[in-house]
Amino acid sequence: GLRANWRQFTLLVLINGFVGGMVGLERTVVPLIAEQEFGLVSRTV
């Protein structure tokens, strides 16, 4: 149960925040790097 294991559960919630943040690194910038720094045109590439 959540109440009995709240300390470990909360720690795992925090850690999953770090996990999600690693994907957030790329949501805005990486597609723009492809176009603006490497000059890629093909959407497939």
All heavy atoms as atom14 arrays in JSON, in Angstrom:
{
  "sequence": "GLRANWRQFTLLVLINGFVGGMVGLERTVVPLIAEQEFGLVSRTV",
  "atom14_mask": [
    [1, 1, 1, 1, 0, 0, 0, 0, 0, 0, 0, 0, 0, 0],
    [1, 1, 1, 1, 1, 1, 1, 1, 0, 0, 0, 0, 0, 0],
    [1, 1, 1, 1, 1, 1, 1, 1, 1, 1, 1, 0, 0, 0],
    [1, 1, 1, 1, 1, 0, 0, 0, 0, 0, 0, 0, 0, 0],
    [1, 1, 1, 1, 1, 1, 1, 1, 0, 0, 0, 0, 0, 0],
    [1, 1, 1, 1, 1, 1, 1, 1, 1, 1, 1, 1, 1, 1],
    [1, 1, 1, 1, 1, 1, 1, 1, 1, 1, 1, 0, 0, 0],
    [1, 1, 1, 1, 1, 1, 1, 1, 1, 0, 0, 0, 0, 0],
    [1, 1, 1, 1, 1, 1, 1, 1, 1, 1, 1, 0, 0, 0],
    [1, 1, 1, 1, 1, 1, 1, 0, 0, 0, 0, 0, 0, 0],
    [1, 1, 1, 1, 1, 1, 1, 1, 0, 0, 0, 0, 0, 0],
    [1, 1, 1, 1, 1, 1, 1, 1, 0, 0, 0, 0, 0, 0],
    [1, 1, 1, 1, 1, 1, 1, 0, 0, 0, 0, 0, 0, 0],
    [1, 1, 1, 1, 1, 1, 1, 1, 0, 0, 0, 0, 0, 0],
    [1, 1, 1, 1, 1, 1, 1, 1, 0, 0, 0, 0, 0, 0],
    [1, 1, 1, 1, 1, 1, 1, 1, 0, 0, 0, 0, 0, 0],
    [1, 1, 1, 1, 0, 0, 0, 0, 0, 0, 0, 0, 0, 0],
    [1, 1, 1, 1, 1, 1, 1, 1, 1, 1, 1, 0, 0, 0],
    [1, 1, 1, 1, 1, 1, 1, 0, 0, 0, 0, 0, 0, 0],
    [1, 1, 1, 1, 0, 0, 0, 0, 0, 0, 0, 0, 0, 0],
    [1, 1, 1, 1, 0, 0, 0, 0, 0, 0, 0, 0, 0, 0],
    [1, 1, 1, 1, 1, 1, 1, 1, 0, 0, 0, 0, 0, 0],
    [1, 1, 1, 1, 1, 1, 1, 0, 0, 0, 0, 0, 0, 0],
    [1, 1, 1, 1, 0, 0, 0, 0, 0, 0, 0, 0, 0, 0],
    [1, 1, 1, 1, 1, 1, 1, 1, 0, 0, 0, 0, 0, 0],
    [1, 1, 1, 1, 1, 1, 1, 1, 1, 0, 0, 0, 0, 0],
    [1, 1, 1, 1, 1, 1, 1, 1, 1, 1, 1, 0, 0, 0],
    [1, 1, 1, 1, 1, 1, 1, 0, 0, 0, 0, 0, 0, 0],
    [1, 1, 1, 1, 1, 1, 1, 0, 0, 0, 0, 0, 0, 0],
    [1, 1, 1, 1, 1, 1, 1, 0, 0, 0, 0, 0, 0, 0],
    [1, 1, 1, 1, 1, 1, 1, 0, 0, 0, 0, 0, 0, 0],
    [1, 1, 1, 1, 1, 1, 1, 1, 0, 0, 0, 0, 0, 0],
    [1, 1, 1, 1, 1, 1, 1, 1, 0, 0, 0, 0, 0, 0],
    [1, 1, 1, 1, 1, 0, 0, 0, 0, 0, 0, 0, 0, 0],
    [1, 1, 1, 1, 1, 1, 1, 1, 1, 0, 0, 0, 0, 0],
    [1, 1, 1, 1, 1, 1, 1, 1, 1, 0, 0, 0, 0, 0],
    [1, 1, 1, 1, 1, 1, 1, 1, 1, 0, 0, 0, 0, 0],
    [1, 1, 1, 1, 1, 1, 1, 1, 1, 1, 1, 0, 0, 0],
    [1, 1, 1, 1, 0, 0, 0, 0, 0, 0, 0, 0, 0, 0],
    [1, 1, 1, 1, 1, 1, 1, 1, 0, 0, 0, 0, 0, 0],
    [1, 1, 1, 1, 1, 1, 1, 0, 0, 0, 0, 0, 0, 0],
    [1, 1, 1, 1, 1, 1, 0, 0, 0, 0, 0, 0, 0, 0],
    [1, 1, 1, 1, 1, 1, 1, 1, 1, 1, 1, 0, 0, 0],
    [1, 1, 1, 1, 1, 1, 1, 0, 0, 0, 0, 0, 0, 0],
    [1, 1, 1, 1, 1, 1, 1, 0, 0, 0, 0, 0, 0, 0]
  ],
  "atom14_positions": [
    [[0.81, -1.22, 0.0], [0.0, 0.0, 0.0], [0.84, 1.26, 0.0], [2.0, 1.27, 0.42], [0.0, 0.0, 0.0], [0.0, 0.0, 0.0], [0.0, 0.0, 0.0], [0.0, 0.0, 0.0], [0.0, 0.0, 0.0], [0.0, 0.0, 0.0], [0.0, 0.0, 0.0], [0.0, 0.0, 0.0], [0.0, 0.0, 0.0], [0.0, 0.0, 0.0]],
    [[0.24, 2.34, -0.46], [0.93, 3.63, -0.51], [1.31, 4.13, 0.87], [2.41, 4.63, 1.09], [0.05, 4.66, -1.22], [0.01, 4.61, -2.74], [-1.05, 5.58, -3.25], [1.36, 4.96, -3.33], [0.0, 0.0, 0.0], [0.0, 0.0, 0.0], [0.0, 0.0, 0.0], [0.0, 0.0, 0.0], [0.0, 0.0, 0.0], [0.0, 0.0, 0.0]],
    [[0.37, 4.03, 1.8], [0.62, 4.56, 3.14], [1.75, 3.83, 3.82], [2.62, 4.44, 4.45], [-0.66, 4.47, 3.97], [-0.53, 5.09, 5.36], [-1.83, 4.92, 6.14], [-2.94, 5.56, 5.43], [-4.22, 5.29, 5.68], [-4.55, 4.4, 6.57], [-5.17, 5.92, 5.0], [0.0, 0.0, 0.0], [0.0, 0.0, 0.0], [0.0, 0.0, 0.0]],
    [[1.79, 2.51, 3.69], [2.81, 1.71, 4.37], [4.19, 1.91, 3.76], [5.21, 1.72, 4.44], [2.42, 0.24, 4.32], [0.0, 0.0, 0.0], [0.0, 0.0, 0.0], [0.0, 0.0, 0.0], [0.0, 0.0, 0.0], [0.0, 0.0, 0.0], [0.0, 0.0, 0.0], [0.0, 0.0, 0.0], [0.0, 0.0, 0.0], [0.0, 0.0, 0.0]],
    [[4.26, 2.3, 2.5], [5.55, 2.38, 1.8], [5.79, 3.75, 1.19], [6.47, 3.87, 0.17], [5.56, 1.31, 0.68], [5.4, -0.09, 1.21], [6.27, -0.62, 1.88], [4.26, -0.7, 0.92], [0.0, 0.0, 0.0], [0.0, 0.0, 0.0], [0.0, 0.0, 0.0], [0.0, 0.0, 0.0], [0.0, 0.0, 0.0], [0.0, 0.0, 0.0]],
    [[5.28, 4.79, 1.84], [5.3, 6.12, 1.23], [6.71, 6.66, 1.03], [6.97, 7.4, 0.08], [4.45, 7.1, 2.04], [5.01, 7.47, 3.38], [4.76, 6.87, 4.57], [5.91, 8.56, 3.67], [5.45, 7.49, 5.59], [6.16, 8.54, 5.07], [6.52, 9.54, 2.89], [6.99, 9.45, 5.68], [7.36, 10.46, 3.51], [7.58, 10.41, 4.89]],
    [[7.65, 6.29, 1.89], [9.0, 6.82, 1.74], [9.66, 6.3, 0.46], [10.19, 7.08, -0.34], [9.86, 6.45, 2.96], [9.46, 7.18, 4.24], [10.39, 6.79, 5.38], [10.05, 7.48, 6.61], [9.12, 7.08, 7.48], [8.44, 5.95, 7.23], [8.87, 7.77, 8.57], [0.0, 0.0, 0.0], [0.0, 0.0, 0.0], [0.0, 0.0, 0.0]],
    [[9.65, 4.99, 0.28], [10.23, 4.43, -0.93], [9.44, 4.85, -2.17], [10.03, 5.13, -3.23], [10.27, 2.9, -0.83], [11.45, 2.35, -0.07], [12.78, 2.57, -0.8], [12.98, 2.09, -1.92], [13.7, 3.31, -0.17], [0.0, 0.0, 0.0], [0.0, 0.0, 0.0], [0.0, 0.0, 0.0], [0.0, 0.0, 0.0], [0.0, 0.0, 0.0]],
    [[8.12, 4.91, -2.05], [7.3, 5.32, -3.18], [7.63, 6.74, -3.61], [7.79, 7.03, -4.79], [5.82, 5.21, -2.81], [4.89, 5.36, -3.97], [4.44, 4.26, -4.67], [4.46, 6.62, -4.38], [3.59, 4.4, -5.76], [3.61, 6.78, -5.46], [3.17, 5.65, -6.16], [0.0, 0.0, 0.0], [0.0, 0.0, 0.0], [0.0, 0.0, 0.0]],
    [[7.76, 7.65, -2.63], [8.09, 9.05, -2.94], [9.47, 9.16, -3.58], [9.67, 9.94, -4.52], [8.04, 9.89, -1.65], [6.74, 9.79, -1.07], [8.34, 11.35, -1.95], [0.0, 0.0, 0.0], [0.0, 0.0, 0.0], [0.0, 0.0, 0.0], [0.0, 0.0, 0.0], [0.0, 0.0, 0.0], [0.0, 0.0, 0.0], [0.0, 0.0, 0.0]],
    [[10.43, 8.38, -3.09], [11.76, 8.37, -3.67], [11.71, 7.93, -5.13], [12.35, 8.53, -6.01], [12.67, 7.44, -2.87], [14.09, 7.25, -3.41], [14.83, 8.57, -3.46], [14.84, 6.23, -2.55], [0.0, 0.0, 0.0], [0.0, 0.0, 0.0], [0.0, 0.0, 0.0], [0.0, 0.0, 0.0], [0.0, 0.0, 0.0], [0.0, 0.0, 0.0]],
    [[10.91, 6.9, -5.42], [10.79, 6.42, -6.79], [10.08, 7.43, -7.69], [10.39, 7.54, -8.88], [10.06, 5.08, -6.81], [10.85, 3.9, -6.23], [9.94, 2.7, -6.01], [12.01, 3.53, -7.14], [0.0, 0.0, 0.0], [0.0, 0.0, 0.0], [0.0, 0.0, 0.0], [0.0, 0.0, 0.0], [0.0, 0.0, 0.0], [0.0, 0.0, 0.0]],
    [[9.13, 8.17, -7.14], [8.49, 9.25, -7.89], [9.52, 10.31, -8.27], [9.57, 10.78, -9.42], [7.33, 9.87, -7.09], [6.85, 11.17, -7.73], [6.16, 8.89, -6.98], [0.0, 0.0, 0.0], [0.0, 0.0, 0.0], [0.0, 0.0, 0.0], [0.0, 0.0, 0.0], [0.0, 0.0, 0.0], [0.0, 0.0, 0.0], [0.0, 0.0, 0.0]],
    [[10.37, 10.67, -7.32], [11.42, 11.67, -7.59], [12.37, 11.17, -8.67], [12.71, 11.91, -9.61], [12.19, 11.96, -6.3], [13.4, 12.89, -6.44], [12.97, 14.28, -6.87], [14.18, 12.95, -5.12], [0.0, 0.0, 0.0], [0.0, 0.0, 0.0], [0.0, 0.0, 0.0], [0.0, 0.0, 0.0], [0.0, 0.0, 0.0], [0.0, 0.0, 0.0]],
    [[12.78, 9.92, -8.56], [13.71, 9.36, -9.54], [13.08, 9.33, -10.92], [13.73, 9.61, -11.93], [14.16, 7.95, -9.1], [15.1, 8.08, -7.88], [14.87, 7.22, -10.23], [15.45, 6.77, -7.24], [0.0, 0.0, 0.0], [0.0, 0.0, 0.0], [0.0, 0.0, 0.0], [0.0, 0.0, 0.0], [0.0, 0.0, 0.0], [0.0, 0.0, 0.0]],
    [[11.78, 9.02, -10.99], [11.14, 9.0, -12.3], [11.04, 10.41, -12.89], [10.99, 10.58, -14.1], [9.75, 8.37, -12.22], [9.33, 7.79, -13.55], [10.06, 6.98, -14.14], [8.19, 8.21, -14.06], [0.0, 0.0, 0.0], [0.0, 0.0, 0.0], [0.0, 0.0, 0.0], [0.0, 0.0, 0.0], [0.0, 0.0, 0.0], [0.0, 0.0, 0.0]],
    [[11.02, 11.41, -12.02], [11.12, 12.77, -12.52], [12.44, 13.01, -13.23], [12.5, 13.64, -14.29], [0.0, 0.0, 0.0], [0.0, 0.0, 0.0], [0.0, 0.0, 0.0], [0.0, 0.0, 0.0], [0.0, 0.0, 0.0], [0.0, 0.0, 0.0], [0.0, 0.0, 0.0], [0.0, 0.0, 0.0], [0.0, 0.0, 0.0], [0.0, 0.0, 0.0]],
    [[13.53, 12.48, -12.67], [14.83, 12.59, -13.34], [14.8, 11.86, -14.68], [15.37, 12.35, -15.67], [15.94, 12.0, -12.46], [16.11, 12.67, -11.12], [16.6, 11.97, -10.04], [15.8, 14.01, -10.95], [16.79, 12.57, -8.81], [15.97, 14.63, -9.72], [16.47, 13.91, -8.64], [0.0, 0.0, 0.0], [0.0, 0.0, 0.0], [0.0, 0.0, 0.0]],
    [[14.14, 10.7, -14.71], [14.06, 9.92, -15.94], [13.32, 10.71, -17.03], [13.78, 10.8, -18.18], [13.34, 8.58, -15.69], [13.24, 7.77, -16.99], [14.08, 7.74, -14.65], [0.0, 0.0, 0.0], [0.0, 0.0, 0.0], [0.0, 0.0, 0.0], [0.0, 0.0, 0.0], [0.0, 0.0, 0.0], [0.0, 0.0, 0.0], [0.0, 0.0, 0.0]],
    [[12.18, 11.29, -16.67], [11.42, 12.08, -17.62], [12.18, 13.29, -18.11], [12.11, 13.67, -19.29], [0.0, 0.0, 0.0], [0.0, 0.0, 0.0], [0.0, 0.0, 0.0], [0.0, 0.0, 0.0], [0.0, 0.0, 0.0], [0.0, 0.0, 0.0], [0.0, 0.0, 0.0], [0.0, 0.0, 0.0], [0.0, 0.0, 0.0], [0.0, 0.0, 0.0]],
    [[12.94, 13.91, -17.22], [13.72, 15.07, -17.6], [14.75, 14.77, -18.67], [15.05, 15.62, -19.52], [0.0, 0.0, 0.0], [0.0, 0.0, 0.0], [0.0, 0.0, 0.0], [0.0, 0.0, 0.0], [0.0, 0.0, 0.0], [0.0, 0.0, 0.0], [0.0, 0.0, 0.0], [0.0, 0.0, 0.0], [0.0, 0.0, 0.0], [0.0, 0.0, 0.0]],
    [[15.28, 13.54, -18.69], [16.26, 13.17, -19.71], [15.65, 13.19, -21.11], [16.32, 13.51, -22.09], [16.84, 11.79, -19.41], [17.72, 11.73, -18.17], [19.19, 12.78, -18.26], [20.12, 11.95, -19.56], [0.0, 0.0, 0.0], [0.0, 0.0, 0.0], [0.0, 0.0, 0.0], [0.0, 0.0, 0.0], [0.0, 0.0, 0.0], [0.0, 0.0, 0.0]],
    [[14.35, 12.85, -21.24], [13.68, 12.93, -22.54], [13.34, 14.38, -22.86], [13.4, 14.8, -24.02], [12.42, 12.06, -22.55], [11.76, 12.08, -23.92], [12.76, 10.62, -22.19], [0.0, 0.0, 0.0], [0.0, 0.0, 0.0], [0.0, 0.0, 0.0], [0.0, 0.0, 0.0], [0.0, 0.0, 0.0], [0.0, 0.0, 0.0], [0.0, 0.0, 0.0]],
    [[13.0, 15.16, -21.84], [12.68, 16.56, -22.05], [13.83, 17.35, -22.65], [13.62, 18.39, -23.3], [0.0, 0.0, 0.0], [0.0, 0.0, 0.0], [0.0, 0.0, 0.0], [0.0, 0.0, 0.0], [0.0, 0.0, 0.0], [0.0, 0.0, 0.0], [0.0, 0.0, 0.0], [0.0, 0.0, 0.0], [0.0, 0.0, 0.0], [0.0, 0.0, 0.0]],
    [[15.07, 16.87, -22.46], [16.23, 17.53, -23.06], [16.08, 17.72, -24.56], [16.6, 18.68, -25.13], [17.49, 16.66, -22.83], [18.14, 16.65, -21.46], [19.27, 15.64, -21.46], [18.66, 18.03, -21.09], [0.0, 0.0, 0.0], [0.0, 0.0, 0.0], [0.0, 0.0, 0.0], [0.0, 0.0, 0.0], [0.0, 0.0, 0.0], [0.0, 0.0, 0.0]],
    [[15.36, 16.81, -25.22], [15.36, 16.77, -26.68], [14.08, 17.3, -27.3], [14.0, 17.41, -28.52], [15.58, 15.33, -27.13], [16.86, 14.72, -26.58], [17.19, 13.42, -27.27], [16.27, 12.61, -27.46], [18.34, 13.24, -27.65], [0.0, 0.0, 0.0], [0.0, 0.0, 0.0], [0.0, 0.0, 0.0], [0.0, 0.0, 0.0], [0.0, 0.0, 0.0]],
    [[13.08, 17.59, -26.51], [11.77, 17.93, -27.07], [11.78, 19.21, -27.89], [11.06, 19.34, -28.86], [10.75, 18.05, -25.93], [10.32, 16.73, -25.35], [9.29, 16.07, -26.24], [9.07, 14.69, -25.85], [7.97, 14.02, -26.14], [6.99, 14.6, -26.82], [7.84, 12.76, -25.78], [0.0, 0.0, 0.0], [0.0, 0.0, 0.0], [0.0, 0.0, 0.0]],
    [[12.57, 20.17, -27.49], [12.57, 21.46, -28.17], [13.76, 21.61, -29.1], [13.63, 22.08, -30.24], [12.59, 22.6, -27.13], [11.46, 22.47, -26.27], [12.55, 23.96, -27.83], [0.0, 0.0, 0.0], [0.0, 0.0, 0.0], [0.0, 0.0, 0.0], [0.0, 0.0, 0.0], [0.0, 0.0, 0.0], [0.0, 0.0, 0.0], [0.0, 0.0, 0.0]],
    [[14.94, 21.19, -28.66], [16.18, 21.62, -29.29], [16.68, 20.7, -30.39], [17.16, 21.16, -31.43], [17.28, 21.81, -28.21], [18.6, 22.22, -28.83], [16.83, 22.84, -27.18], [0.0, 0.0, 0.0], [0.0, 0.0, 0.0], [0.0, 0.0, 0.0], [0.0, 0.0, 0.0], [0.0, 0.0, 0.0], [0.0, 0.0, 0.0], [0.0, 0.0, 0.0]],
    [[16.6, 19.38, -30.19], [17.26, 18.46, -31.12], [16.72, 18.56, -32.55], [17.52, 18.57, -33.5], [17.2, 17.01, -30.59], [17.68, 16.02, -31.64], [18.06, 16.88, -29.33], [0.0, 0.0, 0.0], [0.0, 0.0, 0.0], [0.0, 0.0, 0.0], [0.0, 0.0, 0.0], [0.0, 0.0, 0.0], [0.0, 0.0, 0.0], [0.0, 0.0, 0.0]],
    [[15.39, 18.63, -32.78], [14.96, 18.81, -34.18], [15.51, 20.09, -34.81], [15.78, 20.12, -36.02], [13.42, 18.86, -34.06], [13.11, 18.12, -32.81], [14.23, 18.45, -31.89], [0.0, 0.0, 0.0], [0.0, 0.0, 0.0], [0.0, 0.0, 0.0], [0.0, 0.0, 0.0], [0.0, 0.0, 0.0], [0.0, 0.0, 0.0], [0.0, 0.0, 0.0]],
    [[15.67, 21.14, -34.0], [16.22, 22.39, -34.52], [17.71, 22.27, -34.81], [18.22, 22.87, -35.76], [15.96, 23.52, -33.52], [14.49, 23.77, -33.18], [14.36, 24.9, -32.16], [13.68, 24.09, -34.43], [0.0, 0.0, 0.0], [0.0, 0.0, 0.0], [0.0, 0.0, 0.0], [0.0, 0.0, 0.0], [0.0, 0.0, 0.0], [0.0, 0.0, 0.0]],
    [[18.43, 21.49, -34.0], [19.85, 21.22, -34.28], [19.99, 20.54, -35.64], [20.9, 20.86, -36.43], [20.47, 20.34, -33.17], [20.59, 21.13, -31.85], [21.84, 19.82, -33.59], [21.06, 20.3, -30.68], [0.0, 0.0, 0.0], [0.0, 0.0, 0.0], [0.0, 0.0, 0.0], [0.0, 0.0, 0.0], [0.0, 0.0, 0.0], [0.0, 0.0, 0.0]],
    [[19.09, 19.6, -35.93], [19.15, 18.86, -37.2], [19.07, 19.82, -38.38], [19.85, 19.69, -39.34], [18.01, 17.85, -37.26], [0.0, 0.0, 0.0], [0.0, 0.0, 0.0], [0.0, 0.0, 0.0], [0.0, 0.0, 0.0], [0.0, 0.0, 0.0], [0.0, 0.0, 0.0], [0.0, 0.0, 0.0], [0.0, 0.0, 0.0], [0.0, 0.0, 0.0]],
    [[18.16, 20.77, -38.33], [17.99, 21.7, -39.44], [19.05, 22.8, -39.46], [19.65, 23.07, -40.5], [16.59, 22.34, -39.37], [15.49, 21.5, -39.97], [14.24, 22.32, -40.24], [14.05, 23.37, -39.58], [13.44, 21.9, -41.09], [0.0, 0.0, 0.0], [0.0, 0.0, 0.0], [0.0, 0.0, 0.0], [0.0, 0.0, 0.0], [0.0, 0.0, 0.0]],
    [[19.27, 23.41, -38.29], [20.05, 24.64, -38.28], [21.56, 24.4, -38.19], [22.34, 25.22, -38.68], [19.58, 25.52, -37.11], [18.13, 25.97, -37.26], [17.65, 26.82, -36.08], [18.46, 27.44, -35.39], [16.34, 26.85, -35.87], [0.0, 0.0, 0.0], [0.0, 0.0, 0.0], [0.0, 0.0, 0.0], [0.0, 0.0, 0.0], [0.0, 0.0, 0.0]],
    [[21.99, 23.3, -37.54], [23.43, 23.07, -37.41], [23.95, 22.06, -38.42], [25.08, 22.18, -38.9], [23.76, 22.61, -35.99], [23.57, 23.71, -34.95], [24.3, 23.41, -33.65], [25.05, 22.41, -33.61], [24.13, 24.17, -32.69], [0.0, 0.0, 0.0], [0.0, 0.0, 0.0], [0.0, 0.0, 0.0], [0.0, 0.0, 0.0], [0.0, 0.0, 0.0]],
    [[23.15, 21.02, -38.72], [23.62, 19.98, -39.62], [22.99, 20.09, -41.01], [23.34, 19.3, -41.9], [23.35, 18.6, -39.03], [24.15, 18.33, -37.77], [23.51, 18.17, -36.55], [25.53, 18.26, -37.81], [24.23, 17.92, -35.39], [26.27, 18.02, -36.66], [25.62, 17.86, -35.44], [0.0, 0.0, 0.0], [0.0, 0.0, 0.0], [0.0, 0.0, 0.0]],
    [[22.08, 21.04, -41.22], [21.51, 21.29, -42.53], [20.69, 20.16, -43.1], [20.59, 20.02, -44.33], [0.0, 0.0, 0.0], [0.0, 0.0, 0.0], [0.0, 0.0, 0.0], [0.0, 0.0, 0.0], [0.0, 0.0, 0.0], [0.0, 0.0, 0.0], [0.0, 0.0, 0.0], [0.0, 0.0, 0.0], [0.0, 0.0, 0.0], [0.0, 0.0, 0.0]],
    [[20.06, 19.34, -42.26], [19.26, 18.22, -42.75], [17.94, 18.72, -43.3], [17.3, 19.6, -42.72], [19.01, 17.21, -41.62], [20.27, 16.57, -40.99], [19.86, 15.58, -39.92], [21.12, 15.9, -42.04], [0.0, 0.0, 0.0], [0.0, 0.0, 0.0], [0.0, 0.0, 0.0], [0.0, 0.0, 0.0], [0.0, 0.0, 0.0], [0.0, 0.0, 0.0]],
    [[17.53, 18.16, -44.42], [16.29, 18.56, -45.08], [15.25, 17.46, -45.01], [14.08, 17.7, -44.73], [16.55, 18.95, -46.55], [15.24, 19.28, -47.26], [17.52, 20.14, -46.63], [0.0, 0.0, 0.0], [0.0, 0.0, 0.0], [0.0, 0.0, 0.0], [0.0, 0.0, 0.0], [0.0, 0.0, 0.0], [0.0, 0.0, 0.0], [0.0, 0.0, 0.0]],
    [[15.65, 16.22, -45.23], [14.72, 15.08, -45.22], [14.12, 14.89, -43.84], [14.85, 14.76, -42.84], [15.45, 13.81, -45.65], [14.65, 12.67, -45.39], [0.0, 0.0, 0.0], [0.0, 0.0, 0.0], [0.0, 0.0, 0.0], [0.0, 0.0, 0.0], [0.0, 0.0, 0.0], [0.0, 0.0, 0.0], [0.0, 0.0, 0.0], [0.0, 0.0, 0.0]],
    [[12.79, 14.88, -43.77], [12.12, 14.65, -42.48], [12.4, 13.24, -41.97], [12.49, 13.01, -40.76], [10.61, 14.85, -42.61], [10.19, 16.17, -43.24], [10.82, 17.38, -42.57], [10.35, 18.63, -43.15], [10.89, 19.8, -42.95], [11.96, 19.9, -42.18], [10.41, 20.89, -43.49], [0.0, 0.0, 0.0], [0.0, 0.0, 0.0], [0.0, 0.0, 0.0]],
    [[12.55, 12.29, -42.88], [12.86, 10.91, -42.46], [14.21, 10.86, -41.76], [14.36, 10.19, -40.73], [12.86, 9.98, -43.68], [11.59, 10.05, -44.33], [13.11, 8.54, -43.26], [0.0, 0.0, 0.0], [0.0, 0.0, 0.0], [0.0, 0.0, 0.0], [0.0, 0.0, 0.0], [0.0, 0.0, 0.0], [0.0, 0.0, 0.0], [0.0, 0.0, 0.0]],
    [[15.19, 11.56, -42.28], [16.52, 11.57, -41.66], [16.47, 12.31, -40.33], [17.06, 11.86, -39.33], [17.56, 12.22, -42.6], [18.9, 12.35, -41.91], [17.69, 11.4, -43.87], [0.0, 0.0, 0.0], [0.0, 0.0, 0.0], [0.0, 0.0, 0.0], [0.0, 0.0, 0.0], [0.0, 0.0, 0.0], [0.0, 0.0, 0.0], [0.0, 0.0, 0.0]]
  ]
}
